[in-house]
Protein backbone atom coordinates (compact mmCIF):
# COMPACT_ATOMS: atom_id res chain seq x y z
CA UNK A 1 0.00 0.00 0.00
CA UNK A 2 1.36 3.45 -0.91
CA UNK A 3 -0.11 5.32 2.08
CA UNK A 4 0.19 3.97 5.59
CA UNK A 5 2.36 1.38 7.27
CA UNK A 6 3.16 -1.95 5.65
CA UNK A 7 5.47 -4.57 7.16
CA UNK A 8 6.49 -8.19 6.61
CA UNK A 9 9.14 -9.09 9.16
CA UNK A 10 10.82 -12.25 10.40
CA UNK A 11 13.46 -12.98 13.02
CA UNK A 12 14.41 -15.82 15.30
CA UNK A 13 15.62 -16.12 18.87
CA UNK A 14 16.18 -19.31 20.85
CA UNK A 15 12.68 -20.58 21.59
CA UNK A 16 10.93 -17.80 19.67
CA UNK A 17 10.25 -16.96 16.02
CA UNK A 18 8.62 -13.79 14.74
CA UNK A 19 6.86 -13.86 11.38
CA UNK A 20 4.41 -10.98 11.15
CA UNK A 21 2.90 -8.93 8.35
CA UNK A 22 0.13 -6.33 8.09
CA UNK A 23 -1.00 -3.28 6.14
CA UNK A 24 -2.29 -0.39 8.25
CA UNK A 25 -3.86 2.97 7.28
CA UNK A 26 -1.89 6.20 7.25
CA UNK A 27 -3.72 7.64 10.25
CA UNK A 28 -5.49 6.57 13.41
CA UNK A 29 -4.52 4.28 16.28
CA UNK A 30 -4.08 0.53 15.94
CA UNK A 31 -3.95 -1.60 19.10
CA UNK A 32 -1.71 -4.66 19.04
CA UNK A 33 -3.08 -7.05 21.63
CA UNK A 34 -2.06 -10.49 22.77
CA UNK A 35 -0.66 -12.50 25.68
CA UNK A 36 2.75 -11.94 27.23
CA UNK A 37 5.50 -13.43 25.09
CA UNK A 38 3.48 -13.22 21.87
CA UNK A 39 6.04 -10.92 20.24
CA UNK A 40 4.33 -7.52 20.46
CA UNK A 41 7.34 -5.62 21.82
CA UNK A 42 9.74 -7.47 19.52
CA UNK A 43 7.61 -6.44 16.53
CA UNK A 44 7.68 -2.79 17.56
CA UNK A 45 11.45 -2.89 17.98
CA UNK A 46 11.85 -4.49 14.54
CA UNK A 47 9.67 -1.81 12.91
CA UNK A 48 11.73 0.91 14.62
CA UNK A 49 15.01 -0.74 13.56
CA UNK A 50 16.03 -1.49 17.13
CA UNK A 51 15.92 -5.24 16.47
CA UNK A 52 17.49 -6.74 13.34
CA UNK A 53 14.90 -8.56 11.21
CA UNK A 54 14.57 -9.85 7.68
CA UNK A 55 11.83 -8.46 5.46
CA UNK A 56 10.53 -4.99 4.74
CA UNK A 57 8.91 -2.00 6.44
CA UNK A 58 7.29 0.68 4.26
CA UNK A 59 5.74 3.92 5.50
CA UNK A 60 3.78 6.09 3.06
CA UNK A 61 5.65 4.50 0.17
CA UNK A 62 9.08 5.03 1.74
CA UNK A 63 11.20 1.97 2.51
CA UNK A 64 12.36 2.09 6.12
CA UNK A 65 14.15 -1.24 6.45
CA UNK A 66 17.43 -0.09 4.78
CA UNK A 67 17.64 2.92 7.14
CA UNK A 68 19.18 3.13 10.63
CA UNK A 69 16.71 3.82 13.46
CA UNK A 70 17.46 7.56 13.74
CA UNK A 71 16.62 8.12 10.06
CA UNK A 72 13.32 6.24 9.97
CA UNK A 73 11.17 9.05 11.37
CA UNK A 74 9.79 6.67 13.98
CA UNK A 75 9.24 7.67 17.62
CA UNK A 76 8.99 5.01 20.32
CA UNK A 77 7.48 5.47 23.77
CA UNK A 78 8.59 2.65 26.06
CA UNK A 79 6.94 1.21 29.16
CA UNK A 80 9.31 2.85 31.62
CA UNK A 81 9.00 6.35 30.07
CA UNK A 82 12.68 7.26 30.42
CA UNK A 83 13.17 11.00 30.76
CA UNK A 84 16.42 12.97 30.93
CA UNK A 85 16.95 13.57 34.63
CA UNK A 86 19.28 16.56 34.11
CA UNK A 87 16.56 18.44 32.18
CA UNK A 88 13.28 19.89 33.29
CA UNK A 89 10.01 19.16 31.47
CA UNK A 90 10.58 21.91 28.91
CA UNK A 91 14.10 20.62 28.24
CA UNK A 92 12.88 17.08 27.62
CA UNK A 93 10.20 18.22 25.19
CA UNK A 94 12.60 20.67 23.52
CA UNK A 95 15.08 17.86 22.93
CA UNK A 96 12.51 16.03 20.82
CA UNK A 97 11.64 19.21 18.91
CA UNK A 98 15.27 20.03 18.08
CA UNK A 99 15.82 16.61 16.53
CA UNK A 100 13.46 17.41 13.65
CA UNK A 101 13.36 21.21 13.77
CA UNK A 102 9.70 21.19 14.79
CA UNK A 103 7.90 24.52 14.55
CA UNK A 104 7.44 26.09 18.02
CA UNK A 105 3.72 26.56 17.33
CA UNK A 106 3.36 22.81 16.76
CA UNK A 107 5.20 22.12 20.03
CA UNK A 108 2.87 24.53 21.82
CA UNK A 109 -0.14 22.61 20.49
CA UNK A 110 1.31 19.35 21.81
CA UNK A 111 1.94 20.90 25.22
CA UNK A 112 -1.63 22.22 25.29
CA UNK A 113 -3.15 18.91 24.18
CA UNK A 114 -1.36 17.13 27.02
CA UNK A 115 -2.04 19.96 29.51
CA UNK A 116 1.65 20.29 30.35
CA UNK A 117 1.86 24.09 30.46
CA UNK A 118 1.93 24.33 34.28
CA UNK A 119 4.70 21.70 34.43
CA UNK A 120 7.19 23.10 31.92
CA UNK A 121 9.63 24.39 34.54
CA UNK A 122 9.36 21.39 36.84
CA UNK A 123 12.15 18.88 37.45
CA UNK A 124 11.23 15.44 36.12
CA UNK A 125 12.06 13.98 39.54
CA UNK A 126 8.98 15.79 40.90
CA UNK A 127 6.52 14.36 38.36
CA UNK A 128 3.84 11.81 39.18
CA UNK A 129 3.60 8.61 37.19
CA UNK A 130 0.85 9.97 34.95
CA UNK A 131 2.71 13.26 34.41
CA UNK A 132 5.87 11.37 33.47
CA UNK A 133 3.99 9.41 30.79
CA UNK A 134 2.51 12.61 29.37
CA UNK A 135 5.94 14.25 29.15
CA UNK A 136 7.42 11.17 27.45
CA UNK A 137 4.62 11.25 24.88
CA UNK A 138 5.09 15.00 24.34
CA UNK A 139 8.81 14.52 23.75
CA UNK A 140 8.10 11.82 21.18
CA UNK A 141 5.45 13.88 19.38
CA UNK A 142 7.62 17.02 19.45
CA UNK A 143 10.02 15.21 17.13
CA UNK A 144 7.25 15.28 14.46
CA UNK A 145 7.39 11.52 13.84
CA UNK A 146 5.99 9.92 10.72
CA UNK A 147 5.04 6.91 12.86
CA UNK A 148 4.47 6.59 16.61
CA UNK A 149 5.05 3.29 18.41
CA UNK A 150 3.85 2.91 22.00
CA UNK A 151 4.92 -0.10 24.05
CA UNK A 152 2.41 -0.34 26.91
CA UNK A 153 2.84 3.34 27.84
CA UNK A 154 0.32 3.02 30.70
CA UNK A 155 1.85 -0.10 32.24
CA UNK A 156 2.19 0.10 36.01
CA UNK A 157 -0.31 2.93 36.46
CA UNK A 158 -3.29 2.37 38.74
CA UNK A 159 -6.82 2.63 37.33
CA UNK A 160 -7.27 6.25 38.42
CA UNK A 161 -4.04 7.41 36.77
CA UNK A 162 -4.83 5.43 33.62
CA UNK A 163 -8.31 6.98 33.39
CA UNK A 164 -6.70 10.40 33.86
CA UNK A 165 -4.14 10.02 31.05
CA UNK A 166 -6.15 8.14 28.38
CA UNK A 167 -8.03 11.22 27.06
CA UNK A 168 -4.75 13.18 26.88
CA UNK A 169 -3.13 10.27 25.04
CA UNK A 170 -5.93 10.05 22.49
CA UNK A 171 -6.14 13.81 22.02
CA UNK A 172 -2.41 14.28 21.41
CA UNK A 173 -1.95 11.30 19.07
CA UNK A 174 -4.91 12.23 16.89
CA UNK A 175 -3.85 15.87 16.74
CA UNK A 176 -0.38 14.79 15.56
CA UNK A 177 -1.92 13.18 12.47
CA UNK A 178 0.56 10.29 12.20
CA UNK A 179 -0.36 6.61 12.46
CA UNK A 180 0.23 4.99 15.84
CA UNK A 181 0.73 1.36 16.82
CA UNK A 182 -0.16 0.80 20.47
CA UNK A 183 0.84 -2.34 22.38
CA UNK A 184 -1.30 -3.32 25.35
CA UNK A 185 -2.34 -6.31 27.43
CA UNK A 186 -5.42 -4.42 28.60
CA UNK A 187 -8.58 -4.85 26.54
CA UNK A 188 -10.19 -1.81 28.17
CA UNK A 189 -7.30 0.40 27.07
CA UNK A 190 -7.57 -0.83 23.50
CA UNK A 191 -11.35 -0.35 23.44
CA UNK A 192 -11.05 3.21 24.70
CA UNK A 193 -8.12 4.27 22.53
CA UNK A 194 -7.85 2.35 19.28
CA UNK A 195 -9.68 2.60 15.96
CA UNK A 196 -8.70 -0.92 14.95
CA UNK A 197 -7.25 -3.97 16.67
CA UNK A 198 -4.73 -6.62 15.66
CA UNK A 199 -4.36 -9.85 17.62
CA UNK A 200 -0.91 -11.40 17.99
CA UNK A 201 0.09 -14.81 19.31
CA UNK A 202 3.16 -16.98 18.92
CA UNK A 203 5.03 -14.35 16.94
CA UNK A 204 2.30 -14.02 14.29
CA UNK A 205 -0.55 -11.66 13.53
CA UNK A 206 -3.52 -13.95 14.00
CA UNK A 207 -6.19 -11.57 12.77
CA UNK A 208 -8.39 -8.75 13.93
CA UNK A 209 -9.05 -8.69 17.66
CA UNK A 210 -12.45 -7.93 19.14
CA UNK A 211 -13.70 -4.64 17.74
CA UNK A 212 -15.98 -2.47 19.86
CA UNK A 213 -19.07 -0.57 18.84
CA UNK A 214 -18.94 3.21 19.22
CA UNK A 215 -22.01 5.43 19.61
CA UNK A 216 -21.86 9.20 19.18
CA UNK A 217 -22.65 10.80 22.50
CA UNK A 218 -24.48 13.73 20.96
CA UNK A 219 -27.14 11.30 19.74
CA UNK A 220 -27.70 9.71 23.15
CA UNK A 221 -30.34 11.49 25.28
CA UNK A 222 -29.03 12.90 28.54
CA UNK A 223 -31.56 10.98 30.60
CA UNK A 224 -30.04 7.70 29.43
CA UNK A 225 -26.53 8.85 30.30
CA UNK A 226 -27.80 9.90 33.71
CA UNK A 227 -28.87 6.32 34.37
CA UNK A 228 -25.26 5.18 34.32
CA UNK A 229 -24.42 4.11 37.85
CA UNK A 230 -20.77 3.07 37.58
CA UNK A 231 -19.16 5.65 39.88
CA UNK A 232 -15.62 4.85 38.70
CA UNK A 233 -16.41 5.62 35.06
CA UNK A 234 -15.65 9.13 33.85
CA UNK A 235 -18.83 10.81 32.69
CA UNK A 236 -18.03 12.59 29.41
CA UNK A 237 -19.78 15.80 30.38
CA UNK A 238 -17.07 16.23 33.00
CA UNK A 239 -14.32 16.04 30.39
CA UNK A 240 -15.65 17.22 27.04
CA UNK A 241 -14.30 20.30 25.34
CA UNK A 242 -16.47 22.20 22.88
CA UNK A 243 -14.80 20.96 19.69
CA UNK A 244 -14.22 17.34 20.68
CA UNK A 245 -16.10 14.26 19.59
CA UNK A 246 -16.66 11.58 22.22
CA UNK A 247 -18.20 8.16 21.80
CA UNK A 248 -19.66 5.65 24.18
CA UNK A 249 -17.76 2.43 23.54
CA UNK A 250 -19.67 -0.83 23.90
CA UNK A 251 -17.82 -4.10 24.30
CA UNK A 252 -20.41 -6.70 23.20
CA UNK A 253 -18.82 -9.29 25.46
CA UNK A 254 -19.75 -7.26 28.54
CA UNK A 255 -23.26 -6.20 27.48
CA UNK A 256 -26.64 -7.88 27.85
CA UNK A 257 -29.36 -7.71 25.18
CA UNK A 258 -32.85 -8.56 26.41
CA UNK A 259 -36.49 -7.74 25.87
CA UNK A 260 -37.35 -4.64 27.86
CA UNK A 261 -39.67 -6.33 30.32
CA UNK A 262 -37.09 -9.00 31.18
CA UNK A 263 -34.06 -6.80 31.73
CA UNK A 264 -32.87 -6.33 35.30
CA UNK A 265 -29.42 -4.75 35.62
CA UNK A 266 -29.43 -2.08 38.34
CA UNK A 267 -25.66 -1.49 38.11
CA UNK A 268 -25.53 -0.88 34.35
CA UNK A 269 -26.11 1.83 31.76
CA UNK A 270 -29.34 0.87 29.95
CA UNK A 271 -29.95 2.03 26.37
CA UNK A 272 -33.04 1.47 24.21
CA UNK A 273 -32.51 -0.61 21.05
CA UNK A 274 -34.34 -2.33 18.21
CA UNK A 275 -33.19 -5.60 16.66
CA UNK A 276 -32.87 -5.75 12.86
CA UNK A 277 -31.91 -8.37 10.31
CA UNK A 278 -28.85 -10.59 10.18
CA UNK A 279 -25.75 -8.89 8.78
CA UNK A 280 -23.06 -11.43 7.94
CA UNK A 281 -21.88 -12.97 11.20
CA UNK A 282 -23.68 -10.34 13.26
CA UNK A 283 -27.03 -8.65 13.58
CA UNK A 284 -28.19 -5.15 12.73
CA UNK A 285 -29.17 -3.24 15.85
CA UNK A 286 -30.50 0.29 16.20
CA UNK A 287 -29.29 1.84 19.47
CA UNK A 288 -30.51 5.31 20.39
CA UNK A 289 -31.28 5.90 16.71
CA UNK A 290 -27.83 4.80 15.50
CA UNK A 291 -27.51 1.76 13.25
CA UNK A 292 -24.70 -0.64 14.14
CA UNK A 293 -23.83 -4.25 13.40
CA UNK A 294 -23.54 -6.24 16.60
CA UNK A 295 -20.46 -8.46 16.04
CA UNK A 296 -21.71 -11.41 18.04
CA UNK A 297 -23.51 -14.66 17.46
CA UNK A 298 -27.26 -14.64 17.01
CA UNK A 299 -27.61 -16.53 20.28
CA UNK A 300 -27.14 -13.17 22.01
CA UNK A 301 -30.62 -12.27 20.73
CA UNK A 302 -32.35 -15.58 21.28
CA UNK A 303 -35.05 -14.00 23.42
CA UNK A 304 -35.62 -11.01 21.11
CA UNK A 305 -37.52 -11.35 17.85
CA UNK A 306 -36.42 -9.29 14.84
CA UNK A 307 -38.00 -5.85 14.63
CA UNK A 308 -38.92 -5.78 18.29
CA UNK A 309 -37.76 -3.21 20.75
CA UNK A 310 -35.23 -4.34 23.32
CA UNK A 311 -32.72 -2.88 25.74
CA UNK A 312 -28.98 -3.19 26.07
CA UNK A 313 -27.37 -3.12 29.51
CA UNK A 314 -23.71 -2.09 29.54
CA UNK A 315 -22.05 -3.14 32.76
CA UNK A 316 -18.77 -1.31 32.16
CA UNK A 317 -19.42 1.86 30.12
CA UNK A 318 -16.31 3.29 28.49
CA UNK A 319 -15.84 6.61 26.75
CA UNK A 320 -13.48 7.31 23.87
CA UNK A 321 -12.25 10.59 22.46
CA UNK A 322 -12.57 10.07 18.71
CA UNK A 323 -11.11 13.31 17.40
CA UNK A 324 -11.26 17.06 17.39
CA UNK A 325 -12.95 19.63 15.23
CA UNK A 326 -15.60 19.22 12.58
CA UNK A 327 -15.96 16.35 10.18
CA UNK A 328 -15.38 18.59 7.18
């Protein structure tokens, strides 16, 4: 493919062989999910040129595999978010900007997207875990990468810190406009952040991982959102900015579809729905006026006849920042 990221890579270590290939679009966030030891980190390092591998890597029609890592235009954010201890926050971010001669206005937008303005003069030794991850991401984005690779950047953070940083992460990556490949063990992270999902196991891309449904929040009546009872879930009205688009993300594996009179789920967000016809391996469902294809077996709807109204109970509502600005 001429636009986007294409790779076909192979390498071998004692007891492990990587043989992975995929074609990804030139924008958006792709989650690479799979068990420990499946080769996710090794694949990222091979794409970045940090691990020698046979095969090819092409980005927007440009061959990366003959190039050394520092000439590939690839930024990598590692799990441990290493910052330069002798520099303050501004110095760390400025280091990334100087590498590619990034325009100061672009750096300012990154700082604003990650809400780092109040921290610019602070020593990195005085940053919290979440602040450290945000600075590491800002430094990577300040280098104006053509491709961003993130190796479990939220690893080790507790749930509260992860919930705090996820919207910043999404906002900054999407504003940068470059494709991102995001490694995670956490399905919730991938559902909240990624546009598409790749599953990896045994050193191979095994296919598309579970893909969530996303409903535009501006089409969901406020009274339904008010019925959400999960106190630990960020309510989007507490976080939305005027020009941002948020979606309610539904993981079909954690939702219940039932006829209205049979549904009893006091701890869940309940949305009205109407069941439609079969669509391939799934079923057409209208939820709050939005048409989606439910990617599950028809047994999920065994008690609901086609065309009838039903309700969907979401036990773990998640919210995703899908982008900024208008669609035009």
